[in-house]
Amino acid sequence: MDWNMWSAIGACGSAIASFGSAIASFGSAIASLWALCYARKALNTWNRQEQFKVKLEFKRALLELEDAFEAMPDNWNSTQYRIART
């Protein structure tokens, strides 16, 4: 066999290996994009949960404030003020 033929066989093998490497890189890029989309979805879900928690805490605080206003007497005298302050 001629050296040029061996060079051609080696080049063909190298091309096949390069093609396999390119396919693996493409698969890796697709997997990375999928992971990015999944992570974004997870963060958006977490953000909505946090917003819901804040709204719920605010509503609870408003209800506590309403209860406090209902428990307050209509007219305060100095004795009631001193008791409430302590």
C-alpha atoms as a PDB file:
ATOM      1  CA  MET A   1       0.000   0.000   0.000  1.00  0.00           C
ATOM      2  CA  ASP A   2       0.994   3.486  -0.720  1.00  0.00           C
ATOM      3  CA  TRP A   3       1.591   6.108   1.983  1.00  0.00           C
ATOM      4  CA  ASN A   4      -1.001   8.362   0.401  1.00  0.00           C
ATOM      5  CA  MET A   5      -3.613   5.649   0.872  1.00  0.00           C
ATOM      6  CA  TRP A   6      -2.747   5.328   4.555  1.00  0.00           C
ATOM      7  CA  SER A   7      -2.976   9.077   4.871  1.00  0.00           C
ATOM      8  CA  ALA A   8      -6.409   9.008   3.270  1.00  0.00           C
ATOM      9  CA  ILE A   9      -7.583   6.244   5.624  1.00  0.00           C
ATOM     10  CA  GLY A  10      -6.243   8.207   8.600  1.00  0.00           C
ATOM     11  CA  ALA A  11      -7.937  11.378   7.391  1.00  0.00           C
ATOM     12  CA  CYS A  12     -11.215   9.500   6.963  1.00  0.00           C
ATOM     13  CA  GLY A  13     -10.985   8.133  10.504  1.00  0.00           C
ATOM     14  CA  SER A  14     -10.203  11.584  11.801  1.00  0.00           C
ATOM     15  CA  ALA A  15     -13.190  13.021   9.949  1.00  0.00           C
ATOM     16  CA  ILE A  16     -15.479  10.378  11.441  1.00  0.00           C
ATOM     17  CA  ALA A  17     -14.156  11.137  14.926  1.00  0.00           C
ATOM     18  CA  SER A  18     -14.633  14.870  14.341  1.00  0.00           C
ATOM     19  CA  PHE A  19     -18.209  14.268  13.191  1.00  0.00           C
ATOM     20  CA  GLY A  20     -18.895  12.212  16.314  1.00  0.00           C
ATOM     21  CA  SER A  21     -17.432  14.969  18.440  1.00  0.00           C
ATOM     22  CA  ALA A  22     -19.606  17.548  16.676  1.00  0.00           C
ATOM     23  CA  ILE A  23     -22.727  15.456  17.303  1.00  0.00           C
ATOM     24  CA  ALA A  24     -21.789  15.097  20.984  1.00  0.00           C
ATOM     25  CA  SER A  25     -21.241  18.862  21.259  1.00  0.00           C
ATOM     26  CA  PHE A  26     -24.607  19.516  19.636  1.00  0.00           C
ATOM     27  CA  GLY A  27     -26.271  17.114  22.071  1.00  0.00           C
ATOM     28  CA  SER A  28     -24.560  18.837  24.961  1.00  0.00           C
ATOM     29  CA  ALA A  29     -25.772  22.241  23.748  1.00  0.00           C
ATOM     30  CA  ILE A  30     -29.344  20.940  23.458  1.00  0.00           C
ATOM     31  CA  ALA A  31     -29.152  19.493  26.980  1.00  0.00           C
ATOM     32  CA  SER A  32     -27.823  22.816  28.302  1.00  0.00           C
ATOM     33  CA  LEU A  33     -30.657  24.740  26.661  1.00  0.00           C
ATOM     34  CA  TRP A  34     -33.201  22.319  28.110  1.00  0.00           C
ATOM     35  CA  ALA A  35     -31.665  22.721  31.579  1.00  0.00           C
ATOM     36  CA  LEU A  36     -31.742  26.508  31.189  1.00  0.00           C
ATOM     37  CA  CYS A  37     -35.439  26.471  30.257  1.00  0.00           C
ATOM     38  CA  TYR A  38     -36.265  24.131  33.129  1.00  0.00           C
ATOM     39  CA  ALA A  39     -34.330  26.304  35.601  1.00  0.00           C
ATOM     40  CA  ARG A  40     -36.105  29.429  34.367  1.00  0.00           C
ATOM     41  CA  LYS A  41     -39.470  27.743  34.833  1.00  0.00           C
ATOM     42  CA  ALA A  42     -38.470  26.682  38.350  1.00  0.00           C
ATOM     43  CA  LEU A  43     -37.331  30.202  39.260  1.00  0.00           C
ATOM     44  CA  ASN A  44     -40.547  31.717  37.921  1.00  0.00           C
ATOM     45  CA  THR A  45     -42.564  29.255  39.996  1.00  0.00           C
ATOM     46  CA  TRP A  46     -40.521  30.118  43.074  1.00  0.00           C
ATOM     47  CA  ASN A  47     -40.983  33.845  42.387  1.00  0.00           C
ATOM     48  CA  ARG A  48     -44.764  33.442  42.139  1.00  0.00           C
ATOM     49  CA  GLN A  49     -44.775  31.501  45.414  1.00  0.00           C
ATOM     50  CA  GLU A  50     -42.796  34.239  47.146  1.00  0.00           C
ATOM     51  CA  GLN A  51     -45.143  36.919  45.817  1.00  0.00           C
ATOM     52  CA  PHE A  52     -48.109  34.893  47.067  1.00  0.00           C
ATOM     53  CA  LYS A  53     -46.481  34.584  50.514  1.00  0.00           C
ATOM     54  CA  VAL A  54     -45.938  38.343  50.707  1.00  0.00           C
ATOM     55  CA  LYS A  55     -49.545  39.033  49.712  1.00  0.00           C
ATOM     56  CA  LEU A  56     -50.794  36.499  52.255  1.00  0.00           C
ATOM     57  CA  GLU A  57     -48.675  38.025  55.040  1.00  0.00           C
ATOM     58  CA  PHE A  58     -49.949  41.490  54.114  1.00  0.00           C
ATOM     59  CA  LYS A  59     -53.566  40.321  54.249  1.00  0.00           C
ATOM     60  CA  ARG A  60     -52.955  38.675  57.623  1.00  0.00           C
ATOM     61  CA  ALA A  61     -51.409  41.892  58.918  1.00  0.00           C
ATOM     62  CA  LEU A  62     -54.448  43.832  57.718  1.00  0.00           C
ATOM     63  CA  LEU A  63     -56.760  41.399  59.510  1.00  0.00           C
ATOM     64  CA  GLU A  64     -54.719  41.748  62.713  1.00  0.00           C
ATOM     65  CA  LEU A  65     -54.912  45.526  62.392  1.00  0.00           C
ATOM     66  CA  GLU A  66     -58.660  45.335  61.871  1.00  0.00           C
ATOM     67  CA  ASP A  67     -58.992  43.154  64.985  1.00  0.00           C
ATOM     68  CA  ALA A  68     -56.876  45.624  66.952  1.00  0.00           C
ATOM     69  CA  PHE A  69     -59.075  48.533  65.845  1.00  0.00           C
ATOM     70  CA  GLU A  70     -62.215  46.619  66.788  1.00  0.00           C
ATOM     71  CA  ALA A  71     -60.781  45.867  70.240  1.00  0.00           C
ATOM     72  CA  MET A  72     -59.913  49.516  70.884  1.00  0.00           C
ATOM     73  CA  PRO A  73     -62.371  51.489  72.978  1.00  0.00           C
ATOM     74  CA  ASP A  74     -64.132  54.433  71.395  1.00  0.00           C
ATOM     75  CA  ASN A  75     -62.960  56.900  74.037  1.00  0.00           C
ATOM     76  CA  TRP A  76     -59.622  56.680  75.781  1.00  0.00           C
ATOM     77  CA  ASN A  77     -59.033  58.096  79.221  1.00  0.00           C
ATOM     78  CA  SER A  78     -55.660  58.473  80.892  1.00  0.00           C
ATOM     79  CA  THR A  79     -56.024  55.261  82.918  1.00  0.00           C
ATOM     80  CA  GLN A  80     -56.693  53.168  79.826  1.00  0.00           C
ATOM     81  CA  TYR A  81     -53.774  54.830  78.070  1.00  0.00           C
ATOM     82  CA  ARG A  82     -51.383  53.928  80.913  1.00  0.00           C
ATOM     83  CA  ILE A  83     -52.616  50.320  80.961  1.00  0.00           C
ATOM     84  CA  ALA A  84     -52.255  49.962  77.190  1.00  0.00           C
ATOM     85  CA  ARG A  85     -48.784  51.482  77.219  1.00  0.00           C
ATOM     86  CA  THR A  86     -47.381  48.903  79.661  1.00  0.00           C
END
